[in-house]
PDB file of N, CA and C in Angstrom:
ATOM      1  N   MET A   1     -38.463 -88.054 186.955  1.00  0.00           N
ATOM      2  CA  MET A   1     -38.923 -86.722 186.727  1.00  0.00           C
ATOM      3  C   MET A   1     -40.220 -86.794 185.932  1.00  0.00           C
ATOM      4  N   GLN A   2     -41.110 -85.875 186.237  1.00  0.00           N
ATOM      5  CA  GLN A   2     -42.396 -85.828 185.551  1.00  0.00           C
ATOM      6  C   GLN A   2     -42.659 -84.390 185.123  1.00  0.00           C
ATOM      7  N   SER A   3     -43.616 -84.235 184.230  1.00  0.00           N
ATOM      8  CA  SER A   3     -44.008 -82.896 183.784  1.00  0.00           C
ATOM      9  C   SER A   3     -45.487 -82.700 184.033  1.00  0.00           C
ATOM     10  N   GLY A   4     -45.843 -81.483 184.446  1.00  0.00           N
ATOM     11  CA  GLY A   4     -47.231 -81.155 184.686  1.00  0.00           C
ATOM     12  C   GLY A   4     -47.530 -79.761 184.174  1.00  0.00           C
ATOM     13  N   LEU A   5     -48.688 -79.237 184.500  1.00  0.00           N
ATOM     14  CA  LEU A   5     -49.070 -77.904 184.056  1.00  0.00           C
ATOM     15  C   LEU A   5     -48.140 -76.821 184.581  1.00  0.00           C
ATOM     16  N   GLN A   6     -47.555 -77.057 185.749  1.00  0.00           N
ATOM     17  CA  GLN A   6     -46.652 -76.082 186.358  1.00  0.00           C
ATOM     18  C   GLN A   6     -45.194 -76.284 185.941  1.00  0.00           C
ATOM     19  N   GLY A   7     -44.916 -77.290 185.112  1.00  0.00           N
ATOM     20  CA  GLY A   7     -43.549 -77.555 184.682  1.00  0.00           C
ATOM     21  C   GLY A   7     -43.042 -78.893 185.196  1.00  0.00           C
ATOM     22  N   SER A   8     -41.725 -79.061 185.170  1.00  0.00           N
ATOM     23  CA  SER A   8     -41.100 -80.317 185.576  1.00  0.00           C
ATOM     24  C   SER A   8     -41.040 -80.432 187.098  1.00  0.00           C
ATOM     25  N   PHE A   9     -41.178 -81.666 187.587  1.00  0.00           N
ATOM     26  CA  PHE A   9     -41.133 -81.883 189.033  1.00  0.00           C
ATOM     27  C   PHE A   9     -40.702 -83.307 189.337  1.00  0.00           C
ATOM     28  N   VAL A  10     -40.288 -83.515 190.569  1.00  0.00           N
ATOM     29  CA  VAL A  10     -40.028 -84.849 191.100  1.00  0.00           C
ATOM     30  C   VAL A  10     -40.789 -84.970 192.409  1.00  0.00           C
ATOM     31  N   TRP A  11     -40.980 -86.188 192.844  1.00  0.00           N
ATOM     32  CA  TRP A  11     -41.549 -86.428 194.166  1.00  0.00           C
ATOM     33  C   TRP A  11     -40.400 -86.587 195.142  1.00  0.00           C
ATOM     34  N   VAL A  12     -40.471 -85.899 196.266  1.00  0.00           N
ATOM     35  CA  VAL A  12     -39.479 -86.053 197.319  1.00  0.00           C
ATOM     36  C   VAL A  12     -40.178 -86.509 198.579  1.00  0.00           C
ATOM     37  N   ILE A  13     -39.395 -87.062 199.494  1.00  0.00           N
ATOM     38  CA  ILE A  13     -39.945 -87.528 200.763  1.00  0.00           C
ATOM     39  C   ILE A  13     -39.385 -86.660 201.869  1.00  0.00           C
ATOM     40  N   ASP A  14     -40.264 -85.914 202.500  1.00  0.00           N
ATOM     41  CA  ASP A  14     -39.880 -85.154 203.686  1.00  0.00           C
ATOM     42  C   ASP A  14     -39.919 -86.134 204.838  1.00  0.00           C
ATOM     43  N   SER A  15     -38.747 -86.449 205.382  1.00  0.00           N
ATOM     44  CA  SER A  15     -38.725 -87.513 206.373  1.00  0.00           C
ATOM     45  C   SER A  15     -37.911 -87.160 207.593  1.00  0.00           C
ATOM     46  N   ALA A  16     -38.292 -87.804 208.653  1.00  0.00           N
ATOM     47  CA  ALA A  16     -37.465 -87.815 209.854  1.00  0.00           C
ATOM     48  C   ALA A  16     -36.491 -88.967 209.653  1.00  0.00           C
ATOM     49  N   THR A  17     -35.623 -89.174 210.562  1.00  0.00           N
ATOM     50  CA  THR A  17     -34.694 -90.296 210.417  1.00  0.00           C
ATOM     51  C   THR A  17     -35.474 -91.597 210.409  1.00  0.00           C
ATOM     52  N   GLY A  18     -34.950 -92.569 209.728  1.00  0.00           N
ATOM     53  CA  GLY A  18     -35.612 -93.868 209.662  1.00  0.00           C
ATOM     54  C   GLY A  18     -36.223 -94.153 208.316  1.00  0.00           C
ATOM     55  N   GLY A  19     -36.336 -93.146 207.431  1.00  0.00           N
ATOM     56  CA  GLY A  19     -36.809 -93.398 206.085  1.00  0.00           C
ATOM     57  C   GLY A  19     -38.290 -93.239 205.864  1.00  0.00           C
ATOM     58  N   SER A  20     -39.096 -93.046 206.919  1.00  0.00           N
ATOM     59  CA  SER A  20     -40.516 -92.828 206.685  1.00  0.00           C
ATOM     60  C   SER A  20     -40.782 -91.331 206.662  1.00  0.00           C
ATOM     61  N   GLY A  21     -41.830 -90.939 205.985  1.00  0.00           N
ATOM     62  CA  GLY A  21     -42.156 -89.525 205.906  1.00  0.00           C
ATOM     63  C   GLY A  21     -43.361 -89.308 205.023  1.00  0.00           C
ATOM     64  N   THR A  22     -43.468 -88.095 204.464  1.00  0.00           N
ATOM     65  CA  THR A  22     -44.586 -87.770 203.593  1.00  0.00           C
ATOM     66  C   THR A  22     -44.081 -87.330 202.224  1.00  0.00           C
ATOM     67  N   ALA A  23     -44.848 -87.670 201.209  1.00  0.00           N
ATOM     68  CA  ALA A  23     -44.484 -87.343 199.833  1.00  0.00           C
ATOM     69  C   ALA A  23     -44.963 -85.942 199.486  1.00  0.00           C
ATOM     70  N   ARG A  24     -44.135 -85.243 198.706  1.00  0.00           N
ATOM     71  CA  ARG A  24     -44.554 -83.941 198.197  1.00  0.00           C
ATOM     72  C   ARG A  24     -43.896 -83.691 196.847  1.00  0.00           C
ATOM     73  N   ILE A  25     -44.516 -82.832 196.068  1.00  0.00           N
ATOM     74  CA  ILE A  25     -43.990 -82.470 194.754  1.00  0.00           C
ATOM     75  C   ILE A  25     -42.935 -81.392 194.930  1.00  0.00           C
ATOM     76  N   GLN A  26     -41.806 -81.558 194.232  1.00  0.00           N
ATOM     77  CA  GLN A  26     -40.716 -80.584 194.263  1.00  0.00           C
ATOM     78  C   GLN A  26     -40.456 -80.116 192.826  1.00  0.00           C
ATOM     79  N   PRO A  27     -40.735 -78.848 192.532  1.00  0.00           N
ATOM     80  CA  PRO A  27     -40.434 -78.340 191.185  1.00  0.00           C
ATOM     81  C   PRO A  27     -38.931 -78.373 190.927  1.00  0.00           C
ATOM     82  N   VAL A  28     -38.555 -78.708 189.692  1.00  0.00           N
ATOM     83  CA  VAL A  28     -37.148 -78.755 189.306  1.00  0.00           C
ATOM     84  C   VAL A  28     -36.968 -78.052 187.966  1.00  0.00           C
ATOM     85  N   LYS A  29     -35.731 -77.642 187.710  1.00  0.00           N
ATOM     86  CA  LYS A  29     -35.388 -77.045 186.426  1.00  0.00           C
ATOM     87  C   LYS A  29     -34.437 -77.993 185.719  1.00  0.00           C
ATOM     88  N   VAL A  30     -34.803 -78.414 184.518  1.00  0.00           N
ATOM     89  CA  VAL A  30     -34.021 -79.380 183.755  1.00  0.00           C
ATOM     90  C   VAL A  30     -32.949 -78.650 182.953  1.00  0.00           C
ATOM     91  N   ALA A  31     -31.716 -79.131 183.072  1.00  0.00           N
ATOM     92  CA  ALA A  31     -30.621 -78.578 182.279  1.00  0.00           C
ATOM     93  C   ALA A  31     -30.496 -79.324 180.956  1.00  0.00           C
ATOM     94  N   LEU A  32     -30.605 -80.655 181.013  1.00  0.00           N
ATOM     95  CA  LEU A  32     -30.430 -81.477 179.819  1.00  0.00           C
ATOM     96  C   LEU A  32     -31.148 -82.796 180.015  1.00  0.00           C
ATOM     97  N   SER A  33     -31.788 -83.280 178.967  1.00  0.00           N
ATOM     98  CA  SER A  33     -32.452 -84.574 179.014  1.00  0.00           C
ATOM     99  C   SER A  33     -32.123 -85.326 177.735  1.00  0.00           C
ATOM    100  N   GLU A  34     -31.632 -86.545 177.891  1.00  0.00           N
ATOM    101  CA  GLU A  34     -31.241 -87.376 176.751  1.00  0.00           C
ATOM    102  C   GLU A  34     -31.673 -88.803 177.042  1.00  0.00           C
ATOM    103  N   GLY A  35     -32.701 -89.276 176.355  1.00  0.00           N
ATOM    104  CA  GLY A  35     -33.187 -90.632 176.577  1.00  0.00           C
ATOM    105  C   GLY A  35     -33.667 -90.807 178.007  1.00  0.00           C
ATOM    106  N   ALA A  36     -33.105 -91.794 178.709  1.00  0.00           N
ATOM    107  CA  ALA A  36     -33.507 -92.091 180.085  1.00  0.00           C
ATOM    108  C   ALA A  36     -32.763 -91.246 181.107  1.00  0.00           C
ATOM    109  N   TYR A  37     -31.861 -90.376 180.670  1.00  0.00           N
ATOM    110  CA  TYR A  37     -31.035 -89.598 181.593  1.00  0.00           C
ATOM    111  C   TYR A  37     -31.452 -88.135 181.587  1.00  0.00           C
ATOM    112  N   THR A  38     -31.510 -87.553 182.783  1.00  0.00           N
ATOM    113  CA  THR A  38     -31.868 -86.151 182.938  1.00  0.00           C
ATOM    114  C   THR A  38     -30.911 -85.507 183.918  1.00  0.00           C
ATOM    115  N   ILE A  39     -30.413 -84.337 183.555  1.00  0.00           N
ATOM    116  CA  ILE A  39     -29.553 -83.555 184.444  1.00  0.00           C
ATOM    117  C   ILE A  39     -30.366 -82.357 184.902  1.00  0.00           C
ATOM    118  N   LEU A  40     -30.456 -82.201 186.226  1.00  0.00           N
ATOM    119  CA  LEU A  40     -31.216 -81.095 186.793  1.00  0.00           C
ATOM    120  C   LEU A  40     -30.310 -79.904 187.057  1.00  0.00           C
ATOM    121  N   GLU A  41     -30.805 -78.733 186.720  1.00  0.00           N
ATOM    122  CA  GLU A  41     -30.064 -77.497 186.994  1.00  0.00           C
ATOM    123  C   GLU A  41     -30.320 -77.022 188.413  1.00  0.00           C
ATOM    124  N   SER A  42     -31.555 -77.207 188.874  1.00  0.00           N
ATOM    125  CA  SER A  42     -31.891 -76.779 190.232  1.00  0.00           C
ATOM    126  C   SER A  42     -33.152 -77.493 190.707  1.00  0.00           C
ATOM    127  N   GLY A  43     -33.384 -77.376 192.014  1.00  0.00           N
ATOM    128  CA  GLY A  43     -34.605 -77.926 192.595  1.00  0.00           C
ATOM    129  C   GLY A  43     -34.387 -79.023 193.617  1.00  0.00           C
ATOM    130  N   ILE A  44     -33.256 -79.719 193.532  1.00  0.00           N
ATOM    131  CA  ILE A  44     -32.971 -80.802 194.469  1.00  0.00           C
ATOM    132  C   ILE A  44     -31.718 -80.444 195.247  1.00  0.00           C
ATOM    133  N   LYS A  45     -31.775 -80.694 196.550  1.00  0.00           N
ATOM    134  CA  LYS A  45     -30.621 -80.437 197.416  1.00  0.00           C
ATOM    135  C   LYS A  45     -29.917 -81.752 197.732  1.00  0.00           C
ATOM    136  N   PRO A  46     -28.614 -81.699 197.983  1.00  0.00           N
ATOM    137  CA  PRO A  46     -27.905 -82.925 198.366  1.00  0.00           C
ATOM    138  C   PRO A  46     -28.558 -83.568 199.593  1.00  0.00           C
ATOM    139  N   GLY A  47     -28.717 -84.872 199.531  1.00  0.00           N
ATOM    140  CA  GLY A  47     -29.299 -85.602 200.649  1.00  0.00           C
ATOM    141  C   GLY A  47     -30.804 -85.736 200.611  1.00  0.00           C
ATOM    142  N   GLN A  48     -31.480 -85.048 199.698  1.00  0.00           N
ATOM    143  CA  GLN A  48     -32.934 -85.176 199.612  1.00  0.00           C
ATOM    144  C   GLN A  48     -33.294 -86.555 199.082  1.00  0.00           C
ATOM    145  N   ASN A  49     -34.353 -87.120 199.616  1.00  0.00           N
ATOM    146  CA  ASN A  49     -34.848 -88.416 199.151  1.00  0.00           C
ATOM    147  C   ASN A  49     -35.801 -88.196 197.995  1.00  0.00           C
ATOM    148  N   VAL A  50     -35.418 -88.677 196.808  1.00  0.00           N
ATOM    149  CA  VAL A  50     -36.226 -88.530 195.603  1.00  0.00           C
ATOM    150  C   VAL A  50     -36.849 -89.880 195.271  1.00  0.00           C
ATOM    151  N   VAL A  51     -38.125 -89.877 194.965  1.00  0.00           N
ATOM    152  CA  VAL A  51     -38.837 -91.103 194.606  1.00  0.00           C
ATOM    153  C   VAL A  51     -38.431 -91.514 193.194  1.00  0.00           C
ATOM    154  N   VAL A  52     -37.961 -92.747 193.043  1.00  0.00           N
ATOM    155  CA  VAL A  52     -37.562 -93.245 191.731  1.00  0.00           C
ATOM    156  C   VAL A  52     -38.460 -94.377 191.241  1.00  0.00           C
ATOM    157  N   ASP A  53     -39.325 -94.890 192.085  1.00  0.00           N
ATOM    158  CA  ASP A  53     -40.232 -95.955 191.678  1.00  0.00           C
ATOM    159  C   ASP A  53     -41.552 -95.786 192.411  1.00  0.00           C
ATOM    160  N   GLY A  54     -42.644 -95.890 191.689  1.00  0.00           N
ATOM    161  CA  GLY A  54     -43.965 -95.797 192.302  1.00  0.00           C
ATOM    162  C   GLY A  54     -44.538 -94.401 192.366  1.00  0.00           C
ATOM    163  N   ALA A  55     -43.905 -93.442 191.689  1.00  0.00           N
ATOM    164  CA  ALA A  55     -44.382 -92.055 191.737  1.00  0.00           C
ATOM    165  C   ALA A  55     -45.796 -91.915 191.177  1.00  0.00           C
ATOM    166  N   ASP A  56     -46.168 -92.780 190.253  1.00  0.00           N
ATOM    167  CA  ASP A  56     -47.497 -92.704 189.651  1.00  0.00           C
ATOM    168  C   ASP A  56     -48.612 -93.022 190.651  1.00  0.00           C
ATOM    169  N   ARG A  57     -48.266 -93.582 191.795  1.00  0.00           N
ATOM    170  CA  ARG A  57     -49.275 -93.938 192.804  1.00  0.00           C
ATOM    171  C   ARG A  57     -49.315 -92.959 193.977  1.00  0.00           C
ATOM    172  N   LEU A  58     -48.489 -91.931 193.939  1.00  0.00           N
ATOM    173  CA  LEU A  58     -48.398 -91.015 195.084  1.00  0.00           C
ATOM    174  C   LEU A  58     -49.417 -89.894 195.030  1.00  0.00           C
ATOM    175  N   ARG A  59     -49.718 -89.382 196.213  1.00  0.00           N
ATOM    176  CA  ARG A  59     -50.523 -88.166 196.376  1.00  0.00           C
ATOM    177  C   ARG A  59     -49.795 -87.279 197.365  1.00  0.00           C
ATOM    178  N   ALA A  60     -49.884 -85.990 197.184  1.00  0.00           N
ATOM    179  CA  ALA A  60     -49.222 -85.055 198.095  1.00  0.00           C
ATOM    180  C   ALA A  60     -49.681 -85.300 199.529  1.00  0.00           C
ATOM    181  N   GLY A  61     -48.722 -85.375 200.452  1.00  0.00           N
ATOM    182  CA  GLY A  61     -49.026 -85.593 201.855  1.00  0.00           C
ATOM    183  C   GLY A  61     -49.181 -87.044 202.249  1.00  0.00           C
ATOM    184  N   GLN A  62     -49.081 -87.948 201.292  1.00  0.00           N
ATOM    185  CA  GLN A  62     -49.233 -89.376 201.582  1.00  0.00           C
ATOM    186  C   GLN A  62     -48.056 -89.876 202.411  1.00  0.00           C
ATOM    187  N   ALA A  63     -48.339 -90.694 203.398  1.00  0.00           N
ATOM    188  CA  ALA A  63     -47.284 -91.297 204.207  1.00  0.00           C
ATOM    189  C   ALA A  63     -46.598 -92.375 203.389  1.00  0.00           C
ATOM    190  N   VAL A  64     -45.274 -92.371 203.432  1.00  0.00           N
ATOM    191  CA  VAL A  64     -44.487 -93.337 202.668  1.00  0.00           C
ATOM    192  C   VAL A  64     -43.324 -93.846 203.512  1.00  0.00           C
ATOM    193  N   ILE A  65     -42.797 -94.977 203.114  1.00  0.00           N
ATOM    194  CA  ILE A  65     -41.590 -95.524 203.731  1.00  0.00           C
ATOM    195  C   ILE A  65     -40.541 -95.616 202.631  1.00  0.00           C
ATOM    196  N   ALA A  66     -39.438 -94.931 202.828  1.00  0.00           N
ATOM    197  CA  ALA A  66     -38.375 -94.906 201.826  1.00  0.00           C
ATOM    198  C   ALA A  66     -37.443 -96.090 202.005  1.00  0.00           C
ATOM    199  N   THR A  67     -37.001 -96.624 200.886  1.00  0.00           N
ATOM    200  CA  THR A  67     -35.955 -97.637 200.885  1.00  0.00           C
ATOM    201  C   THR A  67     -34.838 -97.131 199.981  1.00  0.00           C
ATOM    202  N   VAL A  68     -33.659 -97.634 200.184  1.00  0.00           N
ATOM    203  CA  VAL A  68     -32.519 -97.185 199.396  1.00  0.00           C
ATOM    204  C   VAL A  68     -32.516 -97.890 198.054  1.00  0.00           C
ATOM    205  N   ALA A  69     -32.491 -97.104 197.001  1.00  0.00           N
ATOM    206  CA  ALA A  69     -32.365 -97.670 195.653  1.00  0.00           C
ATOM    207  C   ALA A  69     -30.888 -97.849 195.354  1.00  0.00           C
ATOM    208  N   HIS A  70     -30.584 -98.851 194.595  1.00  0.00           N
ATOM    209  CA  HIS A  70     -29.192 -99.061 194.219  1.00  0.00           C
ATOM    210  C   HIS A  70     -28.913 -98.256 192.968  1.00  0.00           C
ATOM    211  N   PRO A  71     -28.000 -97.298 193.060  1.00  0.00           N
ATOM    212  CA  PRO A  71     -27.691 -96.507 191.872  1.00  0.00           C
ATOM    213  C   PRO A  71     -27.026 -97.379 190.819  1.00  0.00           C
ATOM    214  N   PHE A  72     -26.619 -96.753 189.778  1.00  0.00           N
ATOM    215  CA  PHE A  72     -25.987 -97.488 188.685  1.00  0.00           C
ATOM    216  C   PHE A  72     -24.974 -98.477 189.230  1.00  0.00           C
ATOM    217  N   ALA A  73     -24.906 -99.613 188.594  1.00  0.00           N
ATOM    218  CA  ALA A  73     -23.930-100.622 188.995  1.00  0.00           C
ATOM    219  C   ALA A  73     -22.530-100.049 188.804  1.00  0.00           C
ATOM    220  N   PRO A  74     -21.596-100.450 189.636  1.00  0.00           N
ATOM    221  CA  PRO A  74     -20.233 -99.946 189.458  1.00  0.00           C
ATOM    222  C   PRO A  74     -19.693-100.370 188.102  1.00  0.00           C
ATOM    223  N   PRO A  75     -18.820 -99.567 187.542  1.00  0.00           N
ATOM    224  CA  PRO A  75     -18.296 -99.926 186.227  1.00  0.00           C
ATOM    225  C   PRO A  75     -17.496-101.223 186.292  1.00  0.00           C
ATOM    226  N   LEU A  76     -17.566-101.945 185.221  1.00  0.00           N
ATOM    227  CA  LEU A  76     -16.802-103.188 185.148  1.00  0.00           C
ATOM    228  C   LEU A  76     -15.330-102.859 184.964  1.00  0.00           C
ATOM    229  N   PRO A  77     -14.463-103.697 185.512  1.00  0.00           N
ATOM    230  CA  PRO A  77     -13.039-103.432 185.315  1.00  0.00           C
ATOM    231  C   PRO A  77     -12.682-103.596 183.845  1.00  0.00           C
ATOM    232  N   ALA A  78     -11.673-102.874 183.429  1.00  0.00           N
ATOM    233  CA  ALA A  78     -11.216-102.991 182.044  1.00  0.00           C
ATOM    234  C   ALA A  78     -10.724-104.406 181.805  1.00  0.00           C
ATOM    235  N   PRO A  79     -11.002-104.942 180.637  1.00  0.00           N
ATOM    236  CA  PRO A  79     -10.538-106.300 180.370  1.00  0.00           C
ATOM    237  C   PRO A  79      -9.016-106.355 180.397  1.00  0.00           C
ATOM    238  N   ALA A  80      -8.526-107.449 180.914  1.00  0.00           N
ATOM    239  CA  ALA A  80      -7.069-107.620 180.960  1.00  0.00           C
ATOM    240  C   ALA A  80      -6.552-107.815 179.546  1.00  0.00           C
ATOM    241  N   ILE A  81      -5.493-107.153 179.256  1.00  0.00           N
ATOM    242  CA  ILE A  81      -4.883-107.302 177.934  1.00  0.00           C
ATOM    243  C   ILE A  81      -3.685-108.214 178.086  1.00  0.00           C
ATOM    244  N   GLN A  82      -3.739-109.272 177.371  1.00  0.00           N
ATOM    245  CA  GLN A  82      -2.639-110.222 177.436  1.00  0.00           C
ATOM    246  C   GLN A  82      -1.812-110.064 176.169  1.00  0.00           C
ATOM    247  N   THR A  83      -0.541-109.888 176.349  1.00  0.00           N
ATOM    248  CA  THR A  83       0.337-109.753 175.188  1.00  0.00           C
ATOM    249  C   THR A  83       1.261-110.943 175.104  1.00  0.00           C
ATOM    250  N   THR A  84       1.549-111.307 173.915  1.00  0.00           N
ATOM    251  CA  THR A  84       2.498-112.389 173.667  1.00  0.00           C
ATOM    252  C   THR A  84       3.637-111.786 172.855  1.00  0.00           C
ATOM    253  N   PRO A  85       4.871-111.959 173.312  1.00  0.00           N
ATOM    254  CA  PRO A  85       5.970-111.387 172.547  1.00  0.00           C
ATOM    255  C   PRO A  85       6.035-111.990 171.154  1.00  0.00           C
ATOM    256  N   ALA A  86       6.382-111.149 170.214  1.00  0.00           N
ATOM    257  CA  ALA A  86       6.539-111.636 168.844  1.00  0.00           C
ATOM    258  C   ALA A  86       7.716-112.601 168.789  1.00  0.00           C
ATOM    259  N   PRO A  87       7.609-113.652 167.983  1.00  0.00           N
ATOM    260  CA  PRO A  87       8.728-114.588 167.887  1.00  0.00           C
ATOM    261  C   PRO A  87       9.964-113.878 167.297  1.00  0.00           C
ATOM    262  N   THR A  88      11.066-114.224 167.803  1.00  0.00           N
ATOM    263  CA  THR A  88      12.302-113.612 167.311  1.00  0.00           C
ATOM    264  C   THR A  88      12.964-114.531 166.303  1.00  0.00           C
ATOM    265  N   ARG A  89      13.594-113.912 165.350  1.00  0.00           N
ATOM    266  CA  ARG A  89      14.305-114.691 164.340  1.00  0.00           C
ATOM    267  C   ARG A  89      15.729-114.947 164.835  1.00  0.00           C
ATOM    268  N   PRO A  90      16.208-116.098 164.614  1.00  0.00           N
ATOM    269  CA  PRO A  90      17.592-116.363 165.030  1.00  0.00           C
ATOM    270  C   PRO A  90      18.560-115.475 164.232  1.00  0.00           C
ATOM    271  N   GLN A  91      19.534-114.998 164.904  1.00  0.00           N
ATOM    272  CA  GLN A  91      20.538-114.162 164.267  1.00  0.00           C
ATOM    273  C   GLN A  91      21.464-115.033 163.414  1.00  0.00           C
ATOM    274  N   PRO A  92      21.764-114.634 162.162  1.00  0.00           N
ATOM    275  CA  PRO A  92      22.667-115.460 161.334  1.00  0.00           C
ATOM    276  C   PRO A  92      24.093-115.377 161.773  1.00  0.00           C
TER     277      PRO A  92
END
């Protein structure tokens, strides 16, 4: 996400199938931003291709080829907890 004179925006790729298309600016409304994470309230539709790398080199209408970015790595499994029974005292 970037900010400009008109407010917050992202670059999206208007594409036909195959991942190639043209870059354009899409205004967005930010709901919350904390460090490297931003939650958008509006502006992006499900399935839209959003540029996550190289946006600083784009110009509106520029031809681009989209590749799939790998989202966050899957969470690691919880560590296995190994228990050892407490030693028992012999009954008198």
